[in-house]
Amino acid sequence: VGEVMSIGRTFEEVIQKACRMVNPALDGLEGRDSGLVVDESEISLEEQLKTPTDTRLFAVQAALEDGWSVDKVYQLTKIDKWFLSKLKNISTMRQACKDKDNLDDLVSKNAAERLRALKIAGFSDRQIARYCDAAEGQRGEAQVRNLRKAYGVLPVVKQIDTLAAEFPAQTNYLYMTYSGDADDIPESPHSSHLPSPVANDAGIAGVPPRTP
């Protein structure tokens, strides 16, 4: 069917990142909300799970969001239960967000811990905003972003050791994650002067500075 590379520190994080990279229209890994699950009046959900396709992942997620057990999904898909249990974690955390009345309710207790747990599991600010009935689109996304910044929930830059510790790695093979307390490399003094991610006169997209 294909493959994608995504880097993170939890499976939940990397699978949600992968979904966003493959399809920019997606906010993360979701079932029916993705718009990629075939209407069950045409093909039953059970049949969608049995047949390997490029959208079966979203059907699997729909089943887990509907409350299907890991064992039941495994019987239909033969996907290893370790992976299914991680997908189940995503559906459980999604539902926990949706059970909150609003963003204020989400952060009413253990705010930093809750927001960090969601980010470690790969949820985008836009997903969290939708689940908690915040403002639509970029306004809701900005609300969540400002909220987590206020609670100190910020990403860090980590470096992959491309030489397996045999020699000091100098390659800037970097990724951002919320699973960490400090950057692996110091911030460049030039980062604030990098161009914005729009085409310049030469028609080449600039590289944006890191934003939390």
C-alpha atoms as a PDB file:
ATOM      1  CA  VAL A   1       0.000   0.000   0.000  1.00  0.00           C
ATOM      2  CA  GLY A   2       2.907   2.362   0.714  1.00  0.00           C
ATOM      3  CA  GLU A   3       4.970   3.767   3.521  1.00  0.00           C
ATOM      4  CA  VAL A   4       5.756   7.018   5.302  1.00  0.00           C
ATOM      5  CA  MET A   5       8.527   8.096   7.660  1.00  0.00           C
ATOM      6  CA  SER A   6       7.676   9.955  10.834  1.00  0.00           C
ATOM      7  CA  ILE A   7       9.895  10.599  13.847  1.00  0.00           C
ATOM      8  CA  GLY A   8       8.834  10.871  17.473  1.00  0.00           C
ATOM      9  CA  ARG A   9       9.145   9.227  20.867  1.00  0.00           C
ATOM     10  CA  THR A  10       5.817   7.408  21.085  1.00  0.00           C
ATOM     11  CA  PHE A  11       3.955   5.386  18.477  1.00  0.00           C
ATOM     12  CA  GLU A  12       0.886   7.524  19.022  1.00  0.00           C
ATOM     13  CA  GLU A  13       2.943  10.610  18.178  1.00  0.00           C
ATOM     14  CA  VAL A  14       4.495   9.230  15.013  1.00  0.00           C
ATOM     15  CA  ILE A  15       1.302   7.766  13.545  1.00  0.00           C
ATOM     16  CA  GLN A  16      -0.531  11.063  13.987  1.00  0.00           C
ATOM     17  CA  LYS A  17       2.397  12.993  12.506  1.00  0.00           C
ATOM     18  CA  ALA A  18       2.462  10.554   9.584  1.00  0.00           C
ATOM     19  CA  CYS A  19      -1.240  11.129   8.863  1.00  0.00           C
ATOM     20  CA  ARG A  20      -0.722  14.886   8.767  1.00  0.00           C
ATOM     21  CA  MET A  21       2.290  14.555   6.471  1.00  0.00           C
ATOM     22  CA  VAL A  22       0.599  12.215   4.003  1.00  0.00           C
ATOM     23  CA  ASN A  23      -2.588  14.265   3.851  1.00  0.00           C
ATOM     24  CA  PRO A  24      -2.383  17.936   4.880  1.00  0.00           C
ATOM     25  CA  ALA A  25      -6.172  18.012   5.094  1.00  0.00           C
ATOM     26  CA  LEU A  26      -6.003  15.732   8.145  1.00  0.00           C
ATOM     27  CA  ASP A  27      -5.508  17.081  11.666  1.00  0.00           C
ATOM     28  CA  GLY A  28      -4.290  13.695  12.900  1.00  0.00           C
ATOM     29  CA  LEU A  29      -5.470  10.098  13.077  1.00  0.00           C
ATOM     30  CA  GLU A  30      -9.246   9.960  13.288  1.00  0.00           C
ATOM     31  CA  GLY A  31     -11.944   7.571  12.165  1.00  0.00           C
ATOM     32  CA  ARG A  32     -15.038   8.965  10.505  1.00  0.00           C
ATOM     33  CA  ASP A  33     -13.926  12.545  11.129  1.00  0.00           C
ATOM     34  CA  SER A  34     -11.158  11.921   8.592  1.00  0.00           C
ATOM     35  CA  GLY A  35     -13.734  11.621   5.816  1.00  0.00           C
ATOM     36  CA  LEU A  36     -11.870   8.543   4.572  1.00  0.00           C
ATOM     37  CA  VAL A  37     -14.124   5.820   5.964  1.00  0.00           C
ATOM     38  CA  VAL A  38     -16.525   4.481   3.337  1.00  0.00           C
ATOM     39  CA  ASP A  39     -20.206   4.838   4.168  1.00  0.00           C
ATOM     40  CA  GLU A  40     -21.364   1.608   5.776  1.00  0.00           C
ATOM     41  CA  SER A  41     -24.431   1.557   3.535  1.00  0.00           C
ATOM     42  CA  GLU A  42     -21.985   0.765   0.742  1.00  0.00           C
ATOM     43  CA  ILE A  43     -19.345  -1.345   2.516  1.00  0.00           C
ATOM     44  CA  SER A  44     -19.734  -2.584   6.076  1.00  0.00           C
ATOM     45  CA  LEU A  45     -17.110  -1.498   8.606  1.00  0.00           C
ATOM     46  CA  GLU A  46     -16.269  -5.147   9.202  1.00  0.00           C
ATOM     47  CA  GLU A  47     -15.543  -5.636   5.512  1.00  0.00           C
ATOM     48  CA  GLN A  48     -13.409  -2.490   5.443  1.00  0.00           C
ATOM     49  CA  LEU A  49     -11.326  -3.930   8.266  1.00  0.00           C
ATOM     50  CA  LYS A  50     -10.854  -7.247   6.493  1.00  0.00           C
ATOM     51  CA  THR A  51      -9.588  -5.715   3.251  1.00  0.00           C
ATOM     52  CA  PRO A  52      -6.136  -4.063   3.193  1.00  0.00           C
ATOM     53  CA  THR A  53      -6.421  -0.658   1.501  1.00  0.00           C
ATOM     54  CA  ASP A  54      -4.762   2.721   1.831  1.00  0.00           C
ATOM     55  CA  THR A  55      -7.660   3.859   4.025  1.00  0.00           C
ATOM     56  CA  ARG A  56      -8.077   0.808   6.254  1.00  0.00           C
ATOM     57  CA  LEU A  57      -6.188   2.558   9.073  1.00  0.00           C
ATOM     58  CA  PHE A  58      -9.021   5.069   9.352  1.00  0.00           C
ATOM     59  CA  ALA A  59     -11.613   2.292   9.363  1.00  0.00           C
ATOM     60  CA  VAL A  60      -9.675   0.619  12.178  1.00  0.00           C
ATOM     61  CA  GLN A  61      -9.711   3.892  14.084  1.00  0.00           C
ATOM     62  CA  ALA A  62     -13.450   4.276  13.472  1.00  0.00           C
ATOM     63  CA  ALA A  63     -14.042   0.817  14.937  1.00  0.00           C
ATOM     64  CA  LEU A  64     -11.952   1.607  18.018  1.00  0.00           C
ATOM     65  CA  GLU A  65     -13.756   4.928  18.429  1.00  0.00           C
ATOM     66  CA  ASP A  66     -17.036   2.991  18.260  1.00  0.00           C
ATOM     67  CA  GLY A  67     -15.881   0.904  21.207  1.00  0.00           C
ATOM     68  CA  TRP A  68     -14.714  -2.231  19.425  1.00  0.00           C
ATOM     69  CA  SER A  69     -12.170  -4.187  21.445  1.00  0.00           C
ATOM     70  CA  VAL A  70      -8.562  -4.680  20.387  1.00  0.00           C
ATOM     71  CA  ASP A  71      -9.217  -8.431  20.196  1.00  0.00           C
ATOM     72  CA  LYS A  72     -12.177  -7.993  17.843  1.00  0.00           C
ATOM     73  CA  VAL A  73     -10.235  -5.678  15.529  1.00  0.00           C
ATOM     74  CA  TYR A  74      -7.301  -8.088  15.603  1.00  0.00           C
ATOM     75  CA  GLN A  75      -9.490 -10.999  14.500  1.00  0.00           C
ATOM     76  CA  LEU A  76     -10.575  -9.042  11.420  1.00  0.00           C
ATOM     77  CA  THR A  77      -7.292  -7.350  10.502  1.00  0.00           C
ATOM     78  CA  LYS A  78      -4.518  -9.548  11.969  1.00  0.00           C
ATOM     79  CA  ILE A  79      -2.711  -6.309  12.802  1.00  0.00           C
ATOM     80  CA  ASP A  80      -0.425  -6.920  15.765  1.00  0.00           C
ATOM     81  CA  LYS A  81      -2.180  -6.143  19.048  1.00  0.00           C
ATOM     82  CA  TRP A  82       0.687  -3.907  20.167  1.00  0.00           C
ATOM     83  CA  PHE A  83      -0.103  -1.482  17.344  1.00  0.00           C
ATOM     84  CA  LEU A  84      -3.840  -1.774  17.913  1.00  0.00           C
ATOM     85  CA  SER A  85      -3.412  -0.993  21.606  1.00  0.00           C
ATOM     86  CA  LYS A  86      -1.612   2.225  20.679  1.00  0.00           C
ATOM     87  CA  LEU A  87      -4.410   3.175  18.285  1.00  0.00           C
ATOM     88  CA  LYS A  88      -6.863   2.434  21.089  1.00  0.00           C
ATOM     89  CA  ASN A  89      -4.957   4.877  23.301  1.00  0.00           C
ATOM     90  CA  ILE A  90      -5.525   7.581  20.690  1.00  0.00           C
ATOM     91  CA  SER A  91      -9.266   6.883  20.530  1.00  0.00           C
ATOM     92  CA  THR A  92      -9.523   6.832  24.345  1.00  0.00           C
ATOM     93  CA  MET A  93      -7.724  10.175  24.712  1.00  0.00           C
ATOM     94  CA  ARG A  94      -9.854  11.655  21.920  1.00  0.00           C
ATOM     95  CA  GLN A  95     -13.047  10.636  23.719  1.00  0.00           C
ATOM     96  CA  ALA A  96     -11.741  12.006  27.029  1.00  0.00           C
ATOM     97  CA  CYS A  97     -11.321  15.396  25.324  1.00  0.00           C
ATOM     98  CA  LYS A  98     -14.767  15.248  23.745  1.00  0.00           C
ATOM     99  CA  ASP A  99     -16.298  14.467  27.151  1.00  0.00           C
ATOM    100  CA  LYS A 100     -15.149  17.881  28.405  1.00  0.00           C
ATOM    101  CA  ASP A 101     -17.573  20.773  28.058  1.00  0.00           C
ATOM    102  CA  ASN A 102     -14.924  23.200  26.785  1.00  0.00           C
ATOM    103  CA  LEU A 103     -11.245  24.114  27.020  1.00  0.00           C
ATOM    104  CA  ASP A 104     -11.678  25.538  30.505  1.00  0.00           C
ATOM    105  CA  ASP A 105     -13.092  22.202  31.628  1.00  0.00           C
ATOM    106  CA  LEU A 106     -10.132  20.385  30.057  1.00  0.00           C
ATOM    107  CA  VAL A 107      -7.622  22.423  32.053  1.00  0.00           C
ATOM    108  CA  SER A 108      -9.656  22.676  35.248  1.00  0.00           C
ATOM    109  CA  LYS A 109      -7.417  20.064  36.883  1.00  0.00           C
ATOM    110  CA  ASN A 110      -3.797  19.073  36.186  1.00  0.00           C
ATOM    111  CA  ALA A 111      -3.789  21.396  33.178  1.00  0.00           C
ATOM    112  CA  ALA A 112      -0.111  21.073  32.227  1.00  0.00           C
ATOM    113  CA  GLU A 113      -0.136  17.289  32.647  1.00  0.00           C
ATOM    114  CA  ARG A 114      -3.260  16.868  30.519  1.00  0.00           C
ATOM    115  CA  LEU A 115      -2.045  19.118  27.730  1.00  0.00           C
ATOM    116  CA  ARG A 116       1.398  17.533  27.714  1.00  0.00           C
ATOM    117  CA  ALA A 117      -0.085  14.022  27.584  1.00  0.00           C
ATOM    118  CA  LEU A 118      -2.160  14.993  24.545  1.00  0.00           C
ATOM    119  CA  LYS A 119       0.831  16.508  22.774  1.00  0.00           C
ATOM    120  CA  ILE A 120       3.047  13.512  23.596  1.00  0.00           C
ATOM    121  CA  ALA A 121       0.354  11.367  21.969  1.00  0.00           C
ATOM    122  CA  GLY A 122       0.619  13.466  18.813  1.00  0.00           C
ATOM    123  CA  PHE A 123      -2.616  15.462  19.007  1.00  0.00           C
ATOM    124  CA  SER A 124      -2.467  18.742  17.110  1.00  0.00           C
ATOM    125  CA  ASP A 125      -3.737  21.977  18.622  1.00  0.00           C
ATOM    126  CA  ARG A 126      -6.482  21.977  15.999  1.00  0.00           C
ATOM    127  CA  GLN A 127      -7.680  18.534  17.068  1.00  0.00           C
ATOM    128  CA  ILE A 128      -7.819  19.553  20.717  1.00  0.00           C
ATOM    129  CA  ALA A 129      -9.732  22.712  19.787  1.00  0.00           C
ATOM    130  CA  ARG A 130     -12.340  20.735  17.824  1.00  0.00           C
ATOM    131  CA  TYR A 131     -12.801  18.131  20.540  1.00  0.00           C
ATOM    132  CA  CYS A 132     -13.329  20.788  23.205  1.00  0.00           C
ATOM    133  CA  ASP A 133     -15.691  22.960  21.152  1.00  0.00           C
ATOM    134  CA  ALA A 134     -13.305  25.909  20.907  1.00  0.00           C
ATOM    135  CA  ALA A 135     -13.562  28.473  18.117  1.00  0.00           C
ATOM    136  CA  GLU A 136     -13.388  27.042  14.610  1.00  0.00           C
ATOM    137  CA  GLY A 137     -10.307  26.918  12.410  1.00  0.00           C
ATOM    138  CA  GLN A 138      -7.212  28.938  13.193  1.00  0.00           C
ATOM    139  CA  ARG A 139      -8.885  30.837  16.040  1.00  0.00           C
ATOM    140  CA  GLY A 140      -9.480  27.636  17.972  1.00  0.00           C
ATOM    141  CA  GLU A 141      -6.022  26.378  17.160  1.00  0.00           C
ATOM    142  CA  ALA A 142      -4.535  29.642  18.451  1.00  0.00           C
ATOM    143  CA  GLN A 143      -6.582  29.365  21.647  1.00  0.00           C
ATOM    144  CA  VAL A 144      -5.123  25.950  22.420  1.00  0.00           C
ATOM    145  CA  ARG A 145      -1.620  27.047  21.476  1.00  0.00           C
ATOM    146  CA  ASN A 146      -1.771  30.096  23.735  1.00  0.00           C
ATOM    147  CA  LEU A 147      -3.232  28.011  26.540  1.00  0.00           C
ATOM    148  CA  ARG A 148      -0.541  25.350  26.508  1.00  0.00           C
ATOM    149  CA  LYS A 149       2.197  28.002  26.191  1.00  0.00           C
ATOM    150  CA  ALA A 150       0.782  29.638  29.307  1.00  0.00           C
ATOM    151  CA  TYR A 151       1.152  26.313  31.114  1.00  0.00           C
ATOM    152  CA  GLY A 152       4.686  25.792  29.801  1.00  0.00           C
ATOM    153  CA  VAL A 153       3.827  22.941  27.440  1.00  0.00           C
ATOM    154  CA  LEU A 154       6.374  23.536  24.681  1.00  0.00           C
ATOM    155  CA  PRO A 155       8.180  21.291  22.188  1.00  0.00           C
ATOM    156  CA  VAL A 156      11.895  20.557  22.258  1.00  0.00           C
ATOM    157  CA  VAL A 157      14.296  19.788  19.428  1.00  0.00           C
ATOM    158  CA  LYS A 158      15.899  16.344  19.565  1.00  0.00           C
ATOM    159  CA  GLN A 159      18.747  14.997  17.459  1.00  0.00           C
ATOM    160  CA  ILE A 160      19.001  11.492  16.054  1.00  0.00           C
ATOM    161  CA  ASP A 161      22.362   9.792  16.487  1.00  0.00           C
ATOM    162  CA  THR A 162      22.978   8.813  12.873  1.00  0.00           C
ATOM    163  CA  LEU A 163      26.262   7.072  13.742  1.00  0.00           C
ATOM    164  CA  ALA A 164      24.938   4.742  16.455  1.00  0.00           C
ATOM    165  CA  ALA A 165      27.313   6.313  19.017  1.00  0.00           C
ATOM    166  CA  GLU A 166      30.402   4.964  17.210  1.00  0.00           C
ATOM    167  CA  PHE A 167      31.564   8.527  16.566  1.00  0.00           C
ATOM    168  CA  PRO A 168      30.241  11.935  17.614  1.00  0.00           C
ATOM    169  CA  ALA A 169      27.303  12.731  15.349  1.00  0.00           C
ATOM    170  CA  GLN A 170      27.438  16.136  13.709  1.00  0.00           C
ATOM    171  CA  THR A 171      24.549  15.707  11.282  1.00  0.00           C
ATOM    172  CA  ASN A 172      21.556  17.920  12.004  1.00  0.00           C
ATOM    173  CA  TYR A 173      19.032  15.103  11.800  1.00  0.00           C
ATOM    174  CA  LEU A 174      16.489  16.832  13.990  1.00  0.00           C
ATOM    175  CA  TYR A 175      12.861  16.482  14.978  1.00  0.00           C
ATOM    176  CA  MET A 176      10.494  18.206  17.378  1.00  0.00           C
ATOM    177  CA  THR A 177       8.669  16.440  20.175  1.00  0.00           C
ATOM    178  CA  TYR A 178       6.919  17.143  23.462  1.00  0.00           C
ATOM    179  CA  SER A 179       8.604  14.113  25.058  1.00  0.00           C
ATOM    180  CA  GLY A 180      11.554  15.911  26.574  1.00  0.00           C
ATOM    181  CA  ASP A 181      12.666  18.753  28.810  1.00  0.00           C
ATOM    182  CA  ALA A 182      15.534  20.313  26.855  1.00  0.00           C
ATOM    183  CA  ASP A 183      16.833  20.775  23.322  1.00  0.00           C
ATOM    184  CA  ASP A 184      19.655  18.511  22.181  1.00  0.00           C
ATOM    185  CA  ILE A 185      21.356  21.387  20.374  1.00  0.00           C
ATOM    186  CA  PRO A 186      21.582  25.099  21.172  1.00  0.00           C
ATOM    187  CA  GLU A 187      19.361  27.471  19.224  1.00  0.00           C
ATOM    188  CA  SER A 188      21.191  29.220  16.409  1.00  0.00           C
ATOM    189  CA  PRO A 189      21.701  32.969  16.873  1.00  0.00           C
ATOM    190  CA  HIS A 190      20.545  33.319  13.281  1.00  0.00           C
ATOM    191  CA  SER A 191      17.235  31.504  13.719  1.00  0.00           C
ATOM    192  CA  SER A 192      15.272  34.697  14.307  1.00  0.00           C
ATOM    193  CA  HIS A 193      16.525  36.060  10.983  1.00  0.00           C
ATOM    194  CA  LEU A 194      15.446  33.128   8.816  1.00  0.00           C
ATOM    195  CA  PRO A 195      12.910  33.953   6.098  1.00  0.00           C
ATOM    196  CA  SER A 196       9.256  33.172   6.532  1.00  0.00           C
ATOM    197  CA  PRO A 197       7.838  30.078   4.748  1.00  0.00           C
ATOM    198  CA  VAL A 198       6.719  31.936   1.633  1.00  0.00           C
ATOM    199  CA  ALA A 199       8.220  31.974  -1.836  1.00  0.00           C
ATOM    200  CA  ASN A 200      10.968  34.539  -2.266  1.00  0.00           C
ATOM    201  CA  ASP A 201      11.912  36.367  -5.448  1.00  0.00           C
ATOM    202  CA  ALA A 202      13.828  33.333  -6.654  1.00  0.00           C
ATOM    203  CA  GLY A 203      10.747  31.160  -6.203  1.00  0.00           C
ATOM    204  CA  ILE A 204      12.287  29.118  -3.388  1.00  0.00           C
ATOM    205  CA  ALA A 205      10.378  28.584  -0.182  1.00  0.00           C
ATOM    206  CA  GLY A 206      12.263  29.846   2.856  1.00  0.00           C
ATOM    207  CA  VAL A 207      12.804  27.800   6.016  1.00  0.00           C
ATOM    208  CA  PRO A 208      10.874  29.210   8.984  1.00  0.00           C
ATOM    209  CA  PRO A 209      12.359  29.587  12.448  1.00  0.00           C
ATOM    210  CA  ARG A 210      11.217  27.169  15.112  1.00  0.00           C
ATOM    211  CA  THR A 211       7.913  28.095  16.700  1.00  0.00           C
ATOM    212  CA  PRO A 212       6.488  26.488  19.819  1.00  0.00           C
END
